[in-house]
Protein backbone atom coordinates (compact mmCIF):
# COMPACT_ATOMS: atom_id res chain seq x y z
CA MET A 1 -6.28 21.91 -14.27
CA VAL A 2 -8.37 22.12 -17.43
CA TYR A 3 -6.17 19.47 -19.08
CA TYR A 4 -6.48 17.05 -16.17
CA ASP A 5 -10.20 17.65 -15.73
CA GLU A 6 -10.79 16.99 -19.44
CA ARG A 7 -8.56 13.90 -19.56
CA ALA A 8 -9.47 12.28 -16.22
CA TYR A 9 -11.51 9.40 -17.62
CA GLU A 10 -8.91 8.48 -20.25
CA TYR A 11 -5.78 9.33 -18.27
CA ASP A 12 -4.85 5.75 -17.34
CA GLU A 13 -4.30 5.00 -21.04
CA ILE A 14 -0.82 6.51 -20.69
CA TYR A 15 0.10 3.69 -18.29
CA GLN A 16 -0.82 1.28 -21.09
CA GLY A 17 1.55 3.10 -23.46
CA ARG A 18 -1.23 4.77 -25.44
CA GLY A 19 -1.73 8.38 -26.38
CA PRO A 20 0.00 11.17 -28.31
CA ALA A 21 2.43 11.95 -25.47
CA ILE A 22 3.95 8.44 -25.58
CA PRO A 23 6.59 8.16 -28.34
CA ASP A 24 7.62 4.55 -27.48
CA SER A 25 4.71 2.55 -26.07
CA ASP A 26 6.67 -0.65 -25.38
CA ALA A 27 9.33 1.19 -23.38
CA TYR A 28 6.64 2.99 -21.43
CA LYS A 29 4.75 -0.24 -20.65
CA ASN A 30 8.01 -1.85 -19.49
CA ASP A 31 8.73 1.13 -17.22
CA VAL A 32 5.24 0.93 -15.72
CA GLU A 33 5.71 -2.79 -14.93
CA LYS A 34 9.01 -2.07 -13.13
CA ILE A 35 7.45 0.84 -11.22
CA LYS A 36 4.57 -1.42 -10.12
CA GLU A 37 7.14 -3.77 -8.53
CA THR A 38 8.75 -0.88 -6.64
CA VAL A 39 5.42 0.58 -5.52
CA SER A 40 4.21 -2.85 -4.32
CA ALA A 41 7.08 -2.94 -1.80
CA PHE A 42 6.51 0.67 -0.69
CA GLY A 43 4.47 2.37 2.00
CA LYS A 44 3.79 2.09 5.69
CA GLY A 45 1.43 3.52 8.29
CA HIS A 46 -0.31 6.68 7.16
CA LEU A 47 0.67 7.40 3.56
CA ILE A 48 -0.02 10.61 1.64
CA ASP A 49 -0.26 10.34 -2.15
CA VAL A 50 0.51 13.82 -3.49
CA GLY A 51 -0.98 14.52 -6.90
CA CYS A 52 -2.73 11.15 -6.73
CA GLY A 53 -4.63 11.67 -9.99
CA THR A 54 -6.69 8.58 -10.80
CA CYS A 55 -4.93 6.59 -8.04
CA PHE A 56 -3.36 4.28 -10.57
CA TRP A 57 -0.65 3.23 -8.08
CA LEU A 58 -3.07 2.69 -5.15
CA PRO A 59 -3.72 -1.04 -5.75
CA PHE A 60 0.00 -1.69 -5.49
CA TYR A 61 0.76 0.09 -2.18
CA ALA A 62 -2.60 0.04 -0.33
CA ARG A 63 -2.03 -3.24 1.52
CA ASN A 64 1.14 -1.79 3.10
CA CYS A 65 -0.69 1.15 4.73
CA SER A 66 -3.12 1.59 7.61
CA GLN A 67 -4.39 4.99 6.36
CA ILE A 68 -4.12 6.76 3.02
CA THR A 69 -4.59 10.45 2.27
CA LEU A 70 -5.16 11.14 -1.43
CA ILE A 71 -4.68 14.71 -2.60
CA ASP A 72 -5.18 16.17 -6.05
CA GLN A 73 -6.07 19.59 -7.37
CA SER A 74 -8.28 18.25 -10.18
CA LYS A 75 -11.85 17.56 -9.11
CA LYS A 76 -12.42 15.09 -11.96
CA MET A 77 -9.18 13.20 -11.35
CA LEU A 78 -10.17 12.84 -7.71
CA SER A 79 -13.60 11.63 -8.84
CA VAL A 80 -11.97 8.83 -10.88
CA CYS A 81 -9.76 8.11 -7.85
CA LYS A 82 -12.82 7.74 -5.61
CA GLU A 83 -14.35 5.29 -8.08
CA ARG A 84 -11.16 3.21 -7.96
CA VAL A 85 -11.09 3.34 -4.14
CA ASP A 86 -14.70 2.10 -4.01
CA LYS A 87 -14.03 -0.65 -6.57
CA LEU A 88 -11.09 -1.84 -4.43
CA GLY A 89 -13.15 -1.68 -1.22
CA LEU A 90 -10.70 0.74 0.41
CA ARG A 91 -13.03 3.60 1.37
CA ASN A 92 -12.59 2.92 5.12
CA LYS A 93 -8.83 3.64 5.01
CA CYS A 94 -8.82 6.52 2.50
CA HIS A 95 -9.24 10.26 3.05
CA PHE A 96 -9.62 12.62 0.06
CA ILE A 97 -8.44 16.20 -0.27
CA GLN A 98 -9.30 18.21 -3.38
CA GLY A 99 -6.94 21.15 -3.50
CA ASP A 100 -3.53 22.61 -4.20
CA PHE A 101 -0.83 20.89 -2.12
CA PHE A 102 0.80 24.27 -1.49
CA ARG A 103 -2.39 25.81 -0.11
CA VAL A 104 -3.94 22.89 1.77
CA ASP A 105 -3.31 22.86 5.50
CA LEU A 106 -1.67 19.55 6.44
CA GLU A 107 -0.68 18.48 9.93
CA ASP A 108 3.02 18.48 10.86
CA ASN A 109 4.68 15.08 11.40
CA ALA A 110 1.49 13.27 10.37
CA TYR A 111 2.62 10.89 7.64
CA ASP A 112 4.78 7.77 7.76
CA SER A 113 5.24 7.67 3.99
CA ALA A 114 4.62 9.75 0.88
CA LEU A 115 4.21 8.80 -2.75
CA VAL A 116 4.69 11.61 -5.28
CA GLY A 117 3.81 10.51 -8.81
CA PHE A 118 4.44 12.71 -11.84
CA PHE A 119 4.07 15.91 -9.83
CA ILE A 120 7.54 17.35 -9.37
CA SER A 121 8.15 17.66 -13.11
CA HIS A 122 5.29 20.20 -13.18
CA LEU A 123 7.06 22.52 -10.72
CA SER A 124 9.45 25.42 -11.15
CA LEU A 125 12.70 25.34 -9.15
CA GLU A 126 11.20 27.68 -6.53
CA GLN A 127 8.09 25.51 -6.24
CA GLU A 128 10.33 22.45 -5.84
CA ARG A 129 12.06 24.09 -2.87
CA MET A 130 8.69 24.97 -1.31
CA PHE A 131 7.40 21.45 -2.02
CA PHE A 132 10.27 19.68 -0.29
CA ALA A 133 10.14 22.09 2.66
CA LYS A 134 6.45 21.34 3.18
CA LEU A 135 7.00 17.61 2.65
CA LYS A 136 9.75 17.64 5.29
CA ARG A 137 7.38 19.36 7.70
CA ILE A 138 4.44 16.94 7.23
CA LEU A 139 6.45 13.71 7.23
CA LYS A 140 7.44 11.98 10.45
CA PRO A 141 11.14 11.36 11.13
CA ASN A 142 12.35 8.27 9.23
CA ALA A 143 9.38 8.43 6.86
CA GLN A 144 9.54 6.71 3.49
CA LEU A 145 9.41 8.76 0.28
CA LEU A 146 8.88 7.42 -3.23
CA ILE A 147 9.06 9.79 -6.19
CA ILE A 148 7.91 8.59 -9.60
CA ASP A 149 8.50 11.07 -12.38
CA SER A 150 9.83 11.64 -15.86
CA ALA A 151 13.41 12.70 -16.40
CA TRP A 152 14.17 15.33 -19.00
CA SER A 153 16.07 13.86 -21.92
CA GLU A 154 17.15 14.60 -25.48
CA LYS A 155 14.46 12.20 -26.71
CA ARG A 156 11.69 14.03 -24.82
CA LYS A 157 13.08 17.33 -26.13
CA LYS A 158 12.08 16.22 -29.65
CA TYR A 159 8.41 16.09 -28.65
CA ARG A 160 7.90 18.95 -26.19
CA LYS A 161 9.44 21.91 -24.42
CA LYS A 162 10.66 21.45 -20.87
CA GLU A 163 8.73 24.45 -19.51
CA GLY A 164 5.73 26.56 -20.43
CA MET A 165 2.29 25.95 -21.85
CA GLN A 166 2.05 23.60 -24.81
CA LYS A 167 -0.85 22.50 -26.95
CA LYS A 168 -1.39 18.76 -26.92
CA ALA A 169 -2.45 17.07 -30.11
CA SER A 170 -5.96 15.68 -29.87
CA GLY A 171 -6.86 12.13 -30.71
């Protein structure tokens, strides 16, 4: 959480292809544009955004939803998210939860859709199993699910390890 709390106000730069973790900024920007198209056509009813971060994707799916629950463990990321929600005038349809998805009590069969952005790649295999079990429990039958995440590749292997703590270069 220290990383996300310290980077909250600059985090959206990665979606613009900037930062030390982005080896090919043009490819990343192109990916983000394609994801925006997908996210714009996604969502219905009561949506839960798991690991919402700064709510970068919110402007693209919000119009498709009647209610939105935004959950993130980082207090500062959620603070940036709240600023974005207010700027978009969406406070009346958004509910915020600051906490660990695994520990937060969420109602069974409560959500019509779920967006999970860049969260699963942070989990171990056991945590993935627990995550999907909880997600299955909180989603209504026939709910929509959209997962946005990074795939492990030989190119990424050149820049970082797949698991474990790693120091990020500053600047």
